[in-house]
Amino acid sequence: MIPEHHPIIAIVPAAGVGSRMQADIPKQYLKIHGQTILEHTIERLLSHQSIESVIVAISDNDPYFEGLSFISEKPVIRVPGGGERADSVLSAIDYVKQRVPNAWCLVHDAARPCITHEDISKLIYEVSTHPVGGILAAPVKDTMKRANGAKGIDHTVDRAGLWHALTPQMFKVELLHSALSDALSEGVTITDEASAVEWTGLAPLLVEGRSDNIKITRPEDLALAEFYLKNKEPEQ
């Protein structure tokens, strides 16, 4: 595990609206088993023994977050979210950098409530000795196709060495702050935290995670997440 003098702080960007869910409210506030997706996600992070606190990036005009409740003595801190995911993450990292400059940041999607403690621990353990940082990921299992402009198949892509990027993604606060700040200032398209670090020329570690760590993106994902959450053993 990471030494005690390097605290781990979770960051959850939750300022998006999730338009593909076709819902009347942002997807992180849809409910599964009586709790919002965001509550499930944050409580899973808070209940992990190595995580000290959770920083949540929320848009200024969000009317829902203040009505949530979390069963934990650990702090849940709200910071302003941005127009894009990278902006929200950077806002949270700014907060952490000013207060805990030696921290590791563990960034996790708001809409991934099925993350397990086992996978979080595995990521922490493997990244703790890596010079860059790393992410949870899953090897591609399906045949991959490259489309042409007319949505026809251009060719089949060799899936060897291809991985699905998951979250959490874990980096030291100073490195991630620098990578995100520089990439955004250069107009680089940032799809996840690892892509910003990759842009600097570094190679984050891939840590194989569970395939049920799904991201709720479309309406049909809700039923799948409900099934996974119902059948998970309680985690201590």
Foldseek 3Di string as FASTA:
>chain_A
DADPLAAEEEEEEDADQLVQAVDPGRQQQDDFPRGGLLQLQQQQQQPQPRHQEYEYAYAPPDPPPVVDDHPHPGYYHYWHADPDSLRSVLRRLVVCCVPRVRYKYFYAYSQQSLDHSVQVVQQCVVQSPPPFWAFEKAQDDDWAFDADPVRHGPGTDDSVPPIGTHGGTIGRSVLLNVLSVVCVVVVHDDPDSQVSSVVVVDDHDYDYDDPLSDGPRYNVVSVSVSVSVVPDDDDD
